Protein backbone atom coordinates (compact mmCIF):
# COMPACT_ATOMS: atom_id res chain seq x y z
CA MET A 1 37.47 51.60 62.79
CA GLN A 2 35.93 55.10 62.65
CA GLY A 3 34.34 55.96 66.22
CA GLY A 4 36.68 53.67 68.02
CA THR A 5 35.17 50.34 67.41
CA THR A 6 37.74 47.58 67.76
CA PHE A 7 37.14 43.85 66.86
CA ASN A 8 39.31 41.09 68.25
CA PHE A 9 38.74 37.63 66.61
CA VAL A 10 39.19 34.73 69.20
CA THR A 11 39.84 31.17 67.80
CA ASP A 12 39.96 29.15 70.99
CA GLY A 13 36.65 28.70 71.81
CA ILE A 14 33.45 30.52 72.66
CA GLU A 15 34.09 30.35 76.80
CA SER A 16 37.65 31.92 75.81
CA ALA A 17 35.95 34.65 73.87
CA LEU A 18 33.33 35.53 76.62
CA ALA A 19 36.30 35.46 79.31
CA ARG A 20 38.01 38.24 77.20
CA ALA A 21 34.89 40.24 76.56
CA ARG A 22 34.05 40.31 80.48
CA GLU A 23 37.51 41.27 81.06
CA ALA A 24 37.60 44.16 78.69
CA ALA A 25 33.74 45.22 79.55
CA GLY A 26 34.67 45.55 83.45
CA SER A 27 31.56 46.25 85.36
CA LYS A 28 29.56 46.71 82.02
CA ASP A 29 27.44 44.31 80.44
CA VAL A 30 28.69 41.96 77.60
CA ALA A 31 26.62 41.36 74.30
CA VAL A 32 27.05 38.35 72.02
CA ALA A 33 26.18 39.39 68.50
CA GLY A 34 26.17 37.19 65.44
CA GLY A 35 24.39 34.79 63.54
CA ALA A 36 22.26 31.62 64.23
CA LYS A 37 25.30 29.50 64.90
CA THR A 38 26.76 31.82 67.16
CA VAL A 39 23.37 32.25 69.28
CA GLN A 40 22.94 28.45 69.40
CA GLN A 41 26.52 27.61 70.68
CA TYR A 42 26.02 30.19 73.66
CA LEU A 43 22.74 29.13 74.45
CA SER A 44 23.55 25.20 74.47
CA ALA A 45 26.41 26.37 76.52
CA GLY A 46 24.35 28.00 79.05
CA LEU A 47 26.07 31.25 78.69
CA ILE A 48 23.57 33.76 78.04
CA ASP A 49 21.23 35.14 80.52
CA GLU A 50 19.15 37.36 78.25
CA LEU A 51 18.01 36.90 74.71
CA ARG A 52 16.94 40.05 72.63
CA LEU A 53 15.10 39.17 69.06
CA HIS A 54 14.26 41.85 66.61
CA THR A 55 11.95 40.74 63.75
CA ALA A 56 11.06 42.49 60.59
CA PRO A 57 8.01 41.46 58.47
CA MET A 58 10.40 40.52 55.46
CA LEU A 59 11.15 37.29 53.73
CA LEU A 60 14.69 36.81 52.41
CA GLY A 61 14.14 33.36 50.79
CA ALA A 62 16.42 31.31 52.87
CA GLY A 63 18.29 31.08 56.32
CA GLU A 64 18.92 29.08 59.13
CA ARG A 65 16.72 28.43 62.09
CA LEU A 66 17.68 30.38 65.19
CA LEU A 67 17.14 27.64 67.57
CA ASP A 68 17.79 24.46 65.85
CA GLY A 69 19.70 22.07 68.16
CA VAL A 70 19.21 23.99 71.43
CA ALA A 71 18.09 21.48 73.97
CA ASN A 72 15.87 22.32 76.94
CA LEU A 73 15.76 26.14 76.38
CA GLN A 74 13.31 27.91 78.52
CA LEU A 75 12.56 31.41 77.90
CA GLU A 76 10.58 33.80 79.70
CA PRO A 77 9.52 37.05 77.89
CA THR A 78 10.24 40.06 79.91
CA GLU A 79 9.71 43.02 77.41
CA VAL A 80 7.70 43.57 74.03
CA SER A 81 7.97 46.63 72.02
CA GLY A 82 8.11 47.72 68.19
CA THR A 83 6.57 49.46 65.18
CA ALA A 84 5.11 48.47 62.02
CA LEU A 85 8.66 47.78 60.63
CA VAL A 86 10.09 45.55 63.74
CA THR A 87 9.14 43.86 66.71
CA HIS A 88 11.65 43.56 69.73
CA VAL A 89 11.16 40.66 72.28
CA HIS A 90 13.34 40.46 75.07
CA TYR A 91 13.51 37.00 76.93
CA ARG A 92 15.27 35.73 80.31
CA VAL A 93 16.86 32.82 79.57
CA ILE A 94 15.75 30.07 82.36
CA HIS A 95 18.92 27.92 83.53
């Protein structure tokens, strides 16, 4: 893509995708981005250390609940910031 962004699609599971991302990142952090189902899978597997939510005061009419089906989830807020258009909340995932 323009700017050098590359997408690699992994079809053999979230653990494999994360392992490939960590290998590609070297010593850098890896960010998992996606919709509710992606977040639910990684949280349920205990593979996320930090969750960053960005909330805008807008109703879209429908959608998926982000944390549905994620059992025993404990989050500790570590940072909150925002503007009139968006609120950013960072959580530490307690394992």
